[in-house]
Amino acid sequence: MDQKPLIKQGYSLAEEVANSISHGVGFVFGIVGLVLLLVQAVDTNASAMAITSYSLYGGSMILLFLASTLYHAIPHQRAKIWLKKFDHCAIYLLIAGTYTPFLLVGLDSPLARGLMIVIWSLALLGILFKLTIAHRFKVLSLVTYLTMGWLSLIVVYQLAIKLAIGGVTLLAVGGVVYSLGVIFYVCKRIPYNHAIWHGFVLGGSVCHFLAIYLYVGQA
């Protein structure tokens, strides 16, 4: 089979198939996860704030996996330019969306609300950055993603009290999984490095979903 690179990053046809499938699975997971959270919210008579938070989180997860799947599945070069921007912007939305249930439902404290404003402001600025000059500062984008994610340490003590050790453990493990995956994201010489990175993203997403479903939703 001819596996010549399809795009500038040098992914072979087989790699792009793996890239698409890996986050296609994530797209399905996102839909199932959102449904489970909303069903749980209805069953527990959750507040409108909780339902809104779960919807933002689930929607951002679905959007991220959809954007990534389309970017890797569609070969049209001009479409890829915009799908790549869509994909990278969706990362900011997923980070902010994941914070939302933890901060507004799990904690709902002045510190949590303040951090919520900071995170969503950074996400919107990041999206603007991605749509304009991000191609000049690729490393800065990666640093921004990681920094936003680990700002959760600001409220980790409050979360440990409110959600118990299990919820915080899942939150931390998810963050570590995401961070470790970056190693494969930047190591372009590793075969299927991007699909492996996608696996870490999916793993981190599962950890955070379980933390929200099992602990935030039951808090």
Protein backbone atom coordinates (compact mmCIF):
# COMPACT_ATOMS: atom_id res chain seq x y z
CA MET A 1 0.00 0.00 0.00
CA ASP A 2 1.25 3.47 -0.85
CA GLN A 3 1.81 5.31 2.41
CA LYS A 4 3.33 8.56 1.15
CA PRO A 5 2.75 11.52 3.44
CA LEU A 6 -0.59 13.19 2.89
CA ILE A 7 0.12 16.45 4.65
CA LYS A 8 3.06 18.58 5.68
CA GLN A 9 3.39 16.93 9.08
CA GLY A 10 4.41 13.77 7.23
CA TYR A 11 1.68 11.40 8.41
CA SER A 12 1.28 8.34 6.22
CA LEU A 13 -2.11 7.14 5.05
CA ALA A 14 -2.10 4.43 7.71
CA GLU A 15 -1.19 6.96 10.39
CA GLU A 16 -3.97 9.31 9.35
CA VAL A 17 -6.44 6.43 9.51
CA ALA A 18 -5.23 5.68 13.04
CA ASN A 19 -5.40 9.37 13.95
CA SER A 20 -8.98 9.59 12.69
CA ILE A 21 -10.21 6.38 14.32
CA SER A 22 -8.63 7.14 17.69
CA HIS A 23 -10.48 10.40 18.10
CA GLY A 24 -13.55 9.08 16.31
CA VAL A 25 -13.82 6.75 19.30
CA GLY A 26 -13.44 9.82 21.50
CA PHE A 27 -16.28 11.55 19.67
CA VAL A 28 -18.61 8.64 20.45
CA PHE A 29 -17.37 8.59 24.04
CA GLY A 30 -18.12 12.30 24.35
CA ILE A 31 -21.71 11.82 23.24
CA VAL A 32 -22.25 8.90 25.61
CA GLY A 33 -20.59 10.80 28.45
CA LEU A 34 -22.78 13.87 27.98
CA VAL A 35 -25.93 11.74 27.92
CA LEU A 36 -24.89 9.95 31.12
CA LEU A 37 -24.19 13.24 32.89
CA LEU A 38 -27.51 14.76 31.88
CA VAL A 39 -29.43 11.63 32.90
CA GLN A 40 -27.66 11.70 36.25
CA ALA A 41 -28.46 15.39 36.63
CA VAL A 42 -32.16 14.76 36.04
CA ASP A 43 -32.23 11.75 38.38
CA THR A 44 -30.59 13.74 41.19
CA ASN A 45 -32.65 16.91 40.62
CA ALA A 46 -29.46 18.84 39.89
CA SER A 47 -29.53 22.61 39.64
CA ALA A 48 -29.71 24.55 36.40
CA MET A 49 -26.09 25.54 37.00
CA ALA A 50 -25.07 21.88 37.15
CA ILE A 51 -26.94 21.01 33.97
CA THR A 52 -25.41 23.99 32.18
CA SER A 53 -21.93 23.05 33.43
CA TYR A 54 -22.30 19.44 32.30
CA SER A 55 -23.56 20.61 28.92
CA LEU A 56 -20.60 22.94 28.43
CA TYR A 57 -18.20 20.20 29.45
CA GLY A 58 -19.79 17.50 27.33
CA GLY A 59 -20.20 19.83 24.38
CA SER A 60 -16.56 20.88 24.50
CA MET A 61 -15.43 17.25 24.63
CA ILE A 62 -17.60 16.31 21.65
CA LEU A 63 -16.38 19.35 19.72
CA LEU A 64 -12.71 18.55 20.39
CA PHE A 65 -12.94 14.95 19.23
CA LEU A 66 -15.08 15.90 16.23
CA ALA A 67 -12.65 18.62 15.16
CA SER A 68 -9.68 16.29 15.47
CA THR A 69 -11.40 13.46 13.62
CA LEU A 70 -12.40 15.71 10.72
CA TYR A 71 -8.96 17.27 10.51
CA HIS A 72 -7.25 13.91 10.14
CA ALA A 73 -9.95 12.26 8.02
CA ILE A 74 -10.41 14.92 5.34
CA PRO A 75 -7.50 15.02 2.84
CA HIS A 76 -8.37 18.31 1.12
CA GLN A 77 -5.40 20.61 1.78
CA ARG A 78 -7.28 23.90 1.96
CA ALA A 79 -9.89 22.38 4.26
CA LYS A 80 -7.12 21.05 6.47
CA ILE A 81 -5.79 24.55 7.08
CA TRP A 82 -9.06 25.61 8.69
CA LEU A 83 -9.78 22.27 10.32
CA LYS A 84 -6.40 22.45 12.02
CA LYS A 85 -7.32 25.84 13.47
CA PHE A 86 -10.69 24.41 14.54
CA ASP A 87 -8.92 21.47 16.15
CA HIS A 88 -6.48 23.61 18.10
CA CYS A 89 -9.14 26.10 19.19
CA ALA A 90 -11.23 23.21 20.48
CA ILE A 91 -8.40 22.27 22.84
CA TYR A 92 -8.86 25.58 24.66
CA LEU A 93 -12.59 24.94 24.85
CA LEU A 94 -12.09 21.45 26.27
CA ILE A 95 -9.72 22.71 28.95
CA ALA A 96 -12.15 25.42 30.01
CA GLY A 97 -15.13 23.10 29.62
CA THR A 98 -13.53 20.48 31.85
CA TYR A 99 -12.88 23.04 34.57
CA THR A 100 -16.51 24.18 34.57
CA PRO A 101 -18.21 21.33 36.50
CA PHE A 102 -15.35 21.12 39.01
CA LEU A 103 -15.42 24.85 39.75
CA LEU A 104 -19.11 25.72 39.51
CA VAL A 105 -20.66 22.48 40.76
CA GLY A 106 -17.97 20.73 42.77
CA LEU A 107 -16.81 23.87 44.59
CA ASP A 108 -18.88 26.98 43.79
CA SER A 109 -16.66 29.12 46.05
CA PRO A 110 -15.36 32.68 45.47
CA LEU A 111 -11.92 31.27 44.62
CA ALA A 112 -13.44 28.76 42.21
CA ARG A 113 -15.55 31.40 40.49
CA GLY A 114 -12.51 33.65 40.17
CA LEU A 115 -10.46 30.86 38.63
CA MET A 116 -13.38 30.12 36.32
CA ILE A 117 -13.23 33.67 34.96
CA VAL A 118 -9.47 33.40 34.48
CA ILE A 119 -9.66 30.04 32.69
CA TRP A 120 -12.41 31.04 30.27
CA SER A 121 -10.67 34.37 29.59
CA LEU A 122 -7.46 32.51 28.76
CA ALA A 123 -9.42 30.11 26.56
CA LEU A 124 -10.99 32.94 24.56
CA LEU A 125 -7.65 34.73 24.24
CA GLY A 126 -6.07 31.45 23.18
CA ILE A 127 -8.67 30.97 20.47
CA LEU A 128 -8.04 34.50 19.19
CA PHE A 129 -4.32 33.73 19.24
CA LYS A 130 -4.84 30.50 17.31
CA LEU A 131 -6.91 32.23 14.66
CA THR A 132 -4.35 34.97 14.08
CA ILE A 133 -0.64 34.48 14.82
CA ALA A 134 -0.29 31.08 16.49
CA HIS A 135 1.65 29.65 13.55
CA ARG A 136 4.57 31.86 14.59
CA PHE A 137 4.65 30.66 18.20
CA LYS A 138 3.90 26.94 18.20
CA VAL A 139 5.78 26.19 21.42
CA LEU A 140 3.91 28.96 23.22
CA SER A 141 0.60 27.28 22.35
CA LEU A 142 1.71 24.02 23.95
CA VAL A 143 2.97 25.81 27.06
CA THR A 144 -0.34 27.65 27.33
CA TYR A 145 -2.34 24.42 27.18
CA LEU A 146 -0.26 22.83 29.93
CA THR A 147 -0.29 25.95 32.11
CA MET A 148 -4.05 26.28 31.89
CA GLY A 149 -4.47 22.64 32.82
CA TRP A 150 -2.22 22.76 35.87
CA LEU A 151 -3.76 25.96 37.22
CA SER A 152 -6.12 23.49 38.88
CA LEU A 153 -3.49 23.19 41.62
CA ILE A 154 -4.83 26.50 42.93
CA VAL A 155 -8.00 24.77 44.11
CA VAL A 156 -6.71 21.24 44.67
CA TYR A 157 -7.01 21.54 48.46
CA GLN A 158 -10.63 22.68 48.24
CA LEU A 159 -11.38 19.88 45.79
CA ALA A 160 -9.81 17.30 48.10
CA ILE A 161 -12.14 18.39 50.88
CA LYS A 162 -15.27 18.57 48.75
CA LEU A 163 -14.84 15.63 46.37
CA ALA A 164 -12.82 13.20 48.51
CA ILE A 165 -9.52 11.65 47.54
CA GLY A 166 -10.99 9.55 44.73
CA GLY A 167 -12.19 12.52 42.73
CA VAL A 168 -8.96 14.46 43.15
CA THR A 169 -6.93 11.37 42.26
CA LEU A 170 -8.83 10.93 38.99
CA LEU A 171 -8.41 14.63 38.25
CA ALA A 172 -4.66 14.46 38.89
CA VAL A 173 -4.17 11.22 36.97
CA GLY A 174 -6.01 12.73 34.01
CA GLY A 175 -3.70 15.75 34.08
CA VAL A 176 -0.61 13.55 34.25
CA VAL A 177 -1.85 11.39 31.36
CA TYR A 178 -2.44 14.47 29.20
CA SER A 179 1.00 15.83 30.10
CA LEU A 180 2.83 12.57 29.41
CA GLY A 181 1.12 12.37 26.04
CA VAL A 182 2.84 15.59 25.02
CA ILE A 183 6.09 13.61 24.82
CA PHE A 184 4.67 11.65 21.89
CA TYR A 185 3.09 14.76 20.38
CA VAL A 186 6.48 16.46 20.03
CA CYS A 187 8.50 13.35 19.08
CA LYS A 188 7.68 13.30 15.38
CA ARG A 189 10.13 10.50 14.61
CA ILE A 190 8.15 7.91 16.55
CA PRO A 191 5.89 5.93 14.17
CA TYR A 192 2.23 6.67 14.85
CA ASN A 193 3.29 9.28 17.41
CA HIS A 194 0.15 11.34 16.84
CA ALA A 195 -2.19 8.39 17.23
CA ILE A 196 -0.39 7.53 20.47
CA TRP A 197 -0.86 11.13 21.58
CA HIS A 198 -4.55 10.77 20.78
CA GLY A 199 -4.65 7.69 23.01
CA PHE A 200 -3.28 9.73 25.90
CA VAL A 201 -5.83 12.47 25.25
CA LEU A 202 -8.61 9.90 25.30
CA GLY A 203 -7.23 8.39 28.50
CA GLY A 204 -7.04 11.77 30.20
CA SER A 205 -10.58 12.56 29.07
CA VAL A 206 -11.88 9.29 30.53
CA CYS A 207 -10.22 10.06 33.89
CA HIS A 208 -11.76 13.52 34.05
CA PHE A 209 -15.16 12.24 32.98
CA LEU A 210 -15.11 9.63 35.75
CA ALA A 211 -14.10 12.29 38.28
CA ILE A 212 -17.07 14.43 37.24
CA TYR A 213 -19.58 11.59 36.93
CA LEU A 214 -18.63 9.71 40.09
CA TYR A 215 -17.68 12.58 42.38
CA VAL A 216 -18.81 16.01 41.17
CA GLY A 217 -22.22 14.66 40.22
CA GLN A 218 -22.56 12.98 43.60
CA ALA A 219 -21.19 15.84 45.71
